[in-house]
N, C-alpha and C. Protein backbone atom coordinates (compact mmCIF):
# COMPACT_ATOMS: atom_id res chain seq x y z
N MET A 1 0.40 -1.02 -0.26
CA MET A 1 -0.03 0.29 -0.37
C MET A 1 0.95 1.20 0.23
N THR A 2 0.85 2.08 -0.99
CA THR A 2 1.35 3.68 -0.91
C THR A 2 0.24 4.50 -1.25
N LEU A 3 1.24 5.83 -0.92
CA LEU A 3 0.32 7.18 -0.50
C LEU A 3 0.47 7.28 -2.51
N ASN A 4 -0.43 7.66 -2.52
CA ASN A 4 -0.59 8.43 -3.89
C ASN A 4 -0.85 10.10 -3.97
N ILE A 5 0.04 10.59 -4.27
CA ILE A 5 -0.48 11.90 -4.28
C ILE A 5 -0.11 12.71 -5.41
N THR A 6 -0.82 13.54 -6.62
CA THR A 6 -0.50 14.01 -7.69
C THR A 6 -0.51 15.57 -7.42
N ILE A 7 0.29 16.22 -7.09
CA ILE A 7 0.56 17.96 -7.50
C ILE A 7 0.07 18.45 -8.85
N ASP A 8 -0.43 18.89 -9.08
CA ASP A 8 -1.09 19.73 -10.00
C ASP A 8 -0.33 21.31 -10.08
N ALA A 9 0.55 22.30 -10.63
CA ALA A 9 1.55 23.47 -10.25
C ALA A 9 0.18 24.14 -11.06
N GLU A 10 -0.36 24.11 -11.81
CA GLU A 10 -1.35 24.96 -12.76
C GLU A 10 -2.47 25.02 -12.11
N GLY A 11 -2.64 24.18 -11.05
CA GLY A 11 -4.45 24.12 -10.25
C GLY A 11 -4.56 25.32 -9.14
N ALA A 12 -5.81 25.64 -9.76
CA ALA A 12 -6.36 26.57 -8.84
C ALA A 12 -6.15 26.01 -7.21
N ASP A 13 -5.80 25.55 -6.85
CA ASP A 13 -5.40 24.98 -5.80
C ASP A 13 -4.13 25.19 -4.50
N ALA A 14 -3.76 25.71 -3.62
CA ALA A 14 -2.64 25.84 -3.28
C ALA A 14 -1.31 24.59 -3.08
N PRO A 15 -0.22 24.09 -3.00
CA PRO A 15 -0.13 22.27 -3.18
C PRO A 15 -0.34 22.02 -1.70
N TYR A 16 -0.11 22.83 -0.74
CA TYR A 16 -0.20 22.41 0.71
C TYR A 16 -2.04 21.57 0.75
N GLU A 17 -2.94 22.57 0.32
CA GLU A 17 -4.31 22.60 0.41
C GLU A 17 -4.23 21.00 -1.01
N GLN A 18 -3.45 20.54 -1.92
CA GLN A 18 -3.78 19.53 -2.67
C GLN A 18 -3.37 18.17 -1.93
N VAL A 19 -2.33 18.31 -1.60
CA VAL A 19 -1.95 17.04 -0.42
C VAL A 19 -3.06 16.82 0.44
N ARG A 20 -3.20 18.08 1.35
CA ARG A 20 -4.17 17.53 2.60
C ARG A 20 -5.44 17.06 1.65
N ALA A 21 -6.05 17.44 0.64
CA ALA A 21 -7.32 17.00 -0.17
C ALA A 21 -7.16 15.73 -0.24
N GLN A 22 -5.98 15.56 -0.72
CA GLN A 22 -5.64 14.00 -1.16
C GLN A 22 -5.38 12.61 0.01
N ILE A 23 -4.92 13.76 0.96
CA ILE A 23 -4.48 12.38 2.08
C ILE A 23 -6.18 11.80 2.72
N SER A 24 -6.57 13.49 2.51
CA SER A 24 -8.23 13.24 3.35
C SER A 24 -8.98 12.42 2.49
N GLU A 25 -9.11 12.51 1.47
CA GLU A 25 -10.00 11.72 0.54
C GLU A 25 -9.51 10.66 0.76
N GLN A 26 -8.29 10.39 0.51
CA GLN A 26 -7.89 8.20 0.76
C GLN A 26 -8.05 8.12 1.89
N ALA A 27 -7.92 8.77 2.86
CA ALA A 27 -8.40 7.98 4.54
C ALA A 27 -9.40 7.56 4.45
N ARG A 28 -10.38 9.01 4.01
CA ARG A 28 -11.80 8.81 4.11
C ARG A 28 -12.51 7.66 3.56
N SER A 29 -12.25 7.29 2.12
CA SER A 29 -12.33 6.45 1.25
C SER A 29 -11.99 4.90 1.47
N GLY A 30 -10.95 4.69 2.76
CA GLY A 30 -10.14 3.33 3.11
C GLY A 30 -9.35 2.85 2.30
N VAL A 31 -8.39 4.15 1.13
CA VAL A 31 -8.08 3.44 0.29
C VAL A 31 -6.06 3.39 1.06
N LEU A 32 -6.70 5.20 2.32
CA LEU A 32 -5.60 4.88 2.87
C LEU A 32 -5.93 3.91 4.69
N PRO A 33 -5.33 3.04 5.08
CA PRO A 33 -6.66 2.24 6.06
C PRO A 33 -5.93 3.01 7.45
N VAL A 34 -6.98 2.82 8.61
CA VAL A 34 -6.75 3.37 10.19
C VAL A 34 -5.61 2.43 10.26
N GLY A 35 -4.05 3.47 11.43
CA GLY A 35 -3.06 2.98 11.13
C GLY A 35 -2.10 2.99 10.10
N PHE A 36 -2.25 3.45 8.86
CA PHE A 36 -0.66 3.24 7.38
C PHE A 36 -0.35 4.79 8.20
N ARG A 37 0.84 4.02 7.86
CA ARG A 37 2.14 5.11 8.72
C ARG A 37 1.90 5.83 7.63
N LEU A 38 2.55 7.32 7.45
CA LEU A 38 2.95 8.52 6.40
C LEU A 38 4.29 8.44 6.37
N PRO A 39 4.79 9.33 5.45
CA PRO A 39 5.92 9.21 5.18
C PRO A 39 5.97 10.49 6.04
N THR A 40 7.84 10.44 6.26
CA THR A 40 7.92 11.98 7.41
C THR A 40 7.44 13.24 6.21
N VAL A 41 7.62 14.55 6.80
CA VAL A 41 7.44 15.84 6.43
C VAL A 41 8.65 16.09 5.31
N ARG A 42 9.73 15.76 5.49
CA ARG A 42 10.99 15.84 4.65
C ARG A 42 11.00 14.94 3.49
N GLY A 43 10.36 13.72 4.05
CA GLY A 43 10.05 12.93 3.24
C GLY A 43 9.50 12.52 2.21
N LEU A 44 8.05 13.39 2.29
CA LEU A 44 6.67 13.21 1.02
C LEU A 44 7.51 14.91 0.23
N ALA A 45 7.75 15.66 0.91
CA ALA A 45 8.50 17.21 0.49
C ALA A 45 9.49 16.55 -0.76
N GLU A 46 10.22 15.61 -0.43
CA GLU A 46 11.36 15.52 -1.43
C GLU A 46 10.50 14.77 -2.78
N GLU A 47 9.75 13.80 -2.24
CA GLU A 47 9.15 13.01 -3.31
C GLU A 47 8.35 13.82 -3.92
N LEU A 48 7.51 14.87 -3.63
CA LEU A 48 6.68 15.58 -4.32
C LEU A 48 7.57 16.76 -5.00
N GLY A 49 8.79 17.14 -4.58
CA GLY A 49 9.41 18.10 -4.90
C GLY A 49 8.78 19.66 -4.32
N LEU A 50 8.42 19.56 -2.63
CA LEU A 50 7.84 20.76 -2.53
C LEU A 50 8.65 21.11 -1.67
N ALA A 51 8.19 22.38 -1.00
CA ALA A 51 9.01 22.57 0.71
C ALA A 51 8.62 22.06 1.35
N ALA A 52 9.49 21.41 2.62
CA ALA A 52 9.11 20.66 3.93
C ALA A 52 7.87 21.50 4.50
N ASN A 53 8.12 22.41 4.53
CA ASN A 53 6.79 23.69 5.42
C ASN A 53 5.45 23.58 5.07
N THR A 54 5.25 23.37 3.43
CA THR A 54 4.19 23.30 3.00
C THR A 54 3.79 21.89 3.13
N VAL A 55 4.59 20.63 3.14
CA VAL A 55 4.01 19.13 3.82
C VAL A 55 3.56 19.45 4.74
N ALA A 56 4.67 20.33 5.74
CA ALA A 56 4.50 20.22 6.95
C ALA A 56 3.00 21.13 7.47
N LYS A 57 2.75 22.02 6.81
CA LYS A 57 1.15 22.64 7.20
C LYS A 57 -0.13 21.95 6.47
N ALA A 58 0.15 21.04 5.90
CA ALA A 58 -0.90 20.33 5.00
C ALA A 58 -0.94 18.87 6.29
N TYR A 59 -0.07 18.66 6.58
CA TYR A 59 -0.22 17.38 7.90
C TYR A 59 -0.96 17.93 9.26
N ARG A 60 -0.29 19.51 9.29
CA ARG A 60 -1.01 19.96 10.57
C ARG A 60 -2.85 20.47 10.61
N ALA A 61 -2.84 20.74 9.01
CA ALA A 61 -4.60 20.92 9.02
C ALA A 61 -4.77 19.33 8.99
N LEU A 62 -4.38 17.72 8.53
CA LEU A 62 -5.16 17.07 8.51
C LEU A 62 -5.34 16.56 10.14
N GLU A 63 -4.35 16.45 11.15
CA GLU A 63 -4.46 16.68 12.66
C GLU A 63 -5.70 17.39 13.00
N SER A 64 -5.29 18.75 12.56
CA SER A 64 -6.51 19.66 13.27
C SER A 64 -7.89 18.82 12.81
N ASP A 65 -7.92 18.37 11.48
CA ASP A 65 -9.36 17.76 11.13
C ASP A 65 -9.68 16.57 11.53
N GLY A 66 -8.50 15.72 12.33
CA GLY A 66 -8.78 14.36 12.89
C GLY A 66 -8.37 13.57 12.01
N VAL A 67 -8.06 13.63 10.38
CA VAL A 67 -7.59 12.40 10.08
C VAL A 67 -6.80 12.31 10.04
N ILE A 68 -6.05 12.47 10.48
CA ILE A 68 -3.76 11.85 11.04
C ILE A 68 -3.77 11.97 12.49
N GLU A 69 -3.08 11.50 12.96
CA GLU A 69 -2.44 11.78 14.42
C GLU A 69 -1.06 11.43 14.12
N THR A 70 -0.29 12.28 15.50
CA THR A 70 1.09 12.23 15.60
C THR A 70 1.76 11.18 16.74
N ARG A 71 2.31 10.29 16.74
CA ARG A 71 2.74 9.69 18.11
C ARG A 71 4.16 10.21 18.28
N GLY A 72 4.84 11.21 18.17
CA GLY A 72 5.82 11.66 18.62
C GLY A 72 7.03 11.10 17.78
N ARG A 73 8.00 10.73 17.99
CA ARG A 73 8.87 9.95 17.43
C ARG A 73 8.73 9.11 16.76
N ASN A 74 7.62 8.10 16.73
CA ASN A 74 6.80 7.36 15.87
C ASN A 74 6.76 7.81 14.53
N GLY A 75 5.77 8.53 14.49
CA GLY A 75 5.46 9.00 13.28
C GLY A 75 4.08 9.42 12.92
N THR A 76 3.40 9.52 12.13
CA THR A 76 2.08 9.90 11.70
C THR A 76 1.52 8.65 10.78
N PHE A 77 0.45 8.72 11.46
CA PHE A 77 -0.59 7.88 11.00
C PHE A 77 -1.99 7.90 10.79
N VAL A 78 -2.27 7.32 10.20
CA VAL A 78 -3.95 7.74 9.75
C VAL A 78 -4.81 7.54 10.90
N ALA A 79 -5.69 8.47 11.40
CA ALA A 79 -6.32 7.83 12.60
C ALA A 79 -7.80 7.35 11.97
N ALA A 80 -8.71 7.08 13.12
CA ALA A 80 -9.89 6.75 12.65
C ALA A 80 -10.77 8.07 12.44
N ALA A 81 -10.39 8.23 11.15
CA ALA A 81 -11.12 10.32 11.07
C ALA A 81 -12.47 9.95 10.97
N GLY A 82 -13.46 9.21 10.78
CA GLY A 82 -14.83 9.33 10.08
C GLY A 82 -15.57 9.45 11.44
N ASP A 83 -15.57 8.77 12.56
CA ASP A 83 -16.00 9.85 13.73
C ASP A 83 -15.90 11.04 14.45
N ALA A 84 -14.26 11.28 14.03
CA ALA A 84 -13.82 12.80 14.77
C ALA A 84 -14.71 13.84 13.80
N ALA A 85 -14.30 13.61 12.12
CA ALA A 85 -15.45 14.20 11.11
C ALA A 85 -16.63 14.78 11.57
N ALA A 86 -17.44 13.36 12.16
CA ALA A 86 -18.97 13.45 12.49
C ALA A 86 -19.18 13.98 13.67
N ARG A 87 -18.17 13.77 14.21
CA ARG A 87 -18.19 14.68 15.67
C ARG A 87 -18.04 15.98 15.16
N GLN A 88 -17.04 16.68 14.50
CA GLN A 88 -16.61 17.61 14.07
C GLN A 88 -17.97 18.34 13.54
N ALA A 89 -18.46 18.06 12.50
CA ALA A 89 -19.64 18.36 11.67
C ALA A 89 -20.54 18.52 12.40
N ALA A 90 -20.98 17.71 13.79
CA ALA A 90 -22.09 17.86 14.41
C ALA A 90 -22.38 18.57 15.31
N ALA A 91 -20.86 18.81 16.11
CA ALA A 91 -20.61 20.51 16.62
C ALA A 91 -21.11 22.07 15.90
N ALA A 92 -20.03 21.71 14.69
CA ALA A 92 -20.61 23.00 13.76
C ALA A 92 -21.74 23.12 13.61
N ALA A 93 -21.87 22.24 13.21
CA ALA A 93 -23.95 22.11 13.03
C ALA A 93 -24.36 22.92 13.90
N ALA A 94 -24.68 21.88 15.57
CA ALA A 94 -25.02 22.94 16.56
C ALA A 94 -24.89 24.57 16.93
N SER A 95 -23.73 24.53 17.13
CA SER A 95 -23.06 26.25 16.80
C SER A 95 -23.61 26.62 15.99
N TYR A 96 -24.21 26.04 14.36
CA TYR A 96 -24.53 27.29 13.61
C TYR A 96 -26.29 27.21 13.48
N ALA A 97 -26.77 26.12 14.02
CA ALA A 97 -28.28 26.49 14.51
C ALA A 97 -28.85 27.13 15.62
N ASP A 98 -27.75 27.33 16.39
CA ASP A 98 -27.61 28.03 17.75
C ASP A 98 -27.49 29.73 17.47
N ARG A 99 -26.64 30.09 16.96
CA ARG A 99 -26.71 31.58 16.14
C ARG A 99 -27.49 31.63 15.64
N ALA A 100 -28.25 30.87 14.49
CA ALA A 100 -28.83 31.62 13.36
C ALA A 100 -30.28 31.93 14.22
N ARG A 101 -30.44 30.45 15.13
CA ARG A 101 -31.71 30.66 15.85
C ARG A 101 -31.63 32.17 16.83
N ARG A 102 -30.93 32.43 17.24
CA ARG A 102 -30.15 33.93 18.36
C ARG A 102 -30.64 35.12 17.26
N LEU A 103 -29.83 34.89 16.04
CA LEU A 103 -30.02 35.88 14.92
C LEU A 103 -31.81 36.42 14.51
N GLY A 104 -32.67 35.28 15.30
CA GLY A 104 -33.89 35.56 14.78
C GLY A 104 -34.23 34.98 13.41
N LEU A 105 -33.47 33.85 12.68
CA LEU A 105 -33.71 33.63 11.59
C LEU A 105 -34.63 32.48 11.32
N SER A 106 -35.30 32.72 10.45
CA SER A 106 -36.31 31.21 10.23
C SER A 106 -35.84 30.09 10.12
N GLU A 107 -35.82 29.13 10.02
CA GLU A 107 -35.62 27.78 10.12
C GLU A 107 -35.23 27.71 8.68
N GLU A 108 -35.90 28.31 7.36
CA GLU A 108 -36.14 27.90 5.97
C GLU A 108 -34.73 28.90 5.84
N ALA A 109 -34.77 30.65 6.55
CA ALA A 109 -33.35 30.97 5.92
C ALA A 109 -32.23 30.58 6.58
N ALA A 110 -32.34 29.60 7.67
CA ALA A 110 -31.04 29.62 8.15
C ALA A 110 -30.97 28.07 6.71
N ARG A 111 -31.56 27.04 6.86
CA ARG A 111 -31.19 26.58 5.53
C ARG A 111 -30.36 26.87 4.32
N ALA A 112 -31.32 27.77 3.81
CA ALA A 112 -30.88 28.46 2.74
C ALA A 112 -29.46 29.37 2.49
N ALA A 113 -28.81 29.77 4.05
CA ALA A 113 -27.68 30.06 4.35
C ALA A 113 -26.80 28.74 3.85
N VAL A 114 -27.23 27.52 4.71
CA VAL A 114 -26.56 26.78 4.98
C VAL A 114 -25.98 26.32 3.06
N ALA A 115 -27.30 26.32 2.25
CA ALA A 115 -27.12 25.60 1.06
C ALA A 115 -26.42 26.41 0.21
N ASP A 116 -26.53 27.90 0.85
CA ASP A 116 -25.65 28.49 0.08
C ASP A 116 -23.98 28.49 0.34
N ALA A 117 -23.69 28.25 1.14
CA ALA A 117 -22.20 28.04 1.81
C ALA A 117 -21.63 26.60 1.01
N LEU A 118 -22.83 25.44 1.04
CA LEU A 118 -22.06 24.38 0.69
C LEU A 118 -21.99 24.24 -0.91
N ARG A 119 -22.85 25.04 -1.34
CA ARG A 119 -22.86 25.63 -3.10
C ARG A 119 -21.43 26.12 -3.37
N ALA A 120 -20.97 27.09 -2.59
CA ALA A 120 -19.77 28.01 -2.34
C ALA A 120 -18.93 26.92 -1.86
N ALA A 121 -18.84 25.92 -1.17
CA ALA A 121 -17.66 25.76 -0.67
C ALA A 121 -17.00 24.13 -1.63
N TYR A 122 -18.43 23.62 -2.36
CA TYR A 122 -18.41 22.13 -2.86
C TYR A 122 -18.17 22.40 -4.49
N GLY A 123 -18.58 23.80 -4.84
CA GLY A 123 -18.97 24.42 -6.08
C GLY A 123 -20.45 23.60 -6.75
N ALA A 124 -20.58 24.78 -7.41
CA ALA A 124 -22.03 24.65 -8.06
C ALA A 124 -21.94 23.74 -9.02
N GLY A 125 -22.87 22.84 -9.35
CA GLY A 125 -22.75 21.88 -10.28
C GLY A 125 -21.57 21.01 -10.69
N GLU A 126 -20.91 20.92 -9.75
CA GLU A 126 -19.67 20.04 -9.80
C GLU A 126 -19.90 18.69 -9.37
């Protein structure tokens, strides 16, 4: 099993975001199983032709999202991200619902705001 990442130098997303998104998708889809050991920051940076800080930024974002976990000198591993992602999404949704209610938005207006935000985040029609 190997990590498969392709960087599109002409792509709209920054290289660190491409690394983050590809590792996240591979972990969530099961291509990279829970416990899979990721390359070191320097090793992956060299392999991809990127600066170490670029890969480190992607790893920090992935760890913040609960997709990977760093175990000190033992390395960086794919975490059981599904549960962490679901918990974080539920907490964000609850926070949003509470804020929308305090702002006096109707349920319909709150849902419309979420739908607009999702279209913006995921791209309309993609």
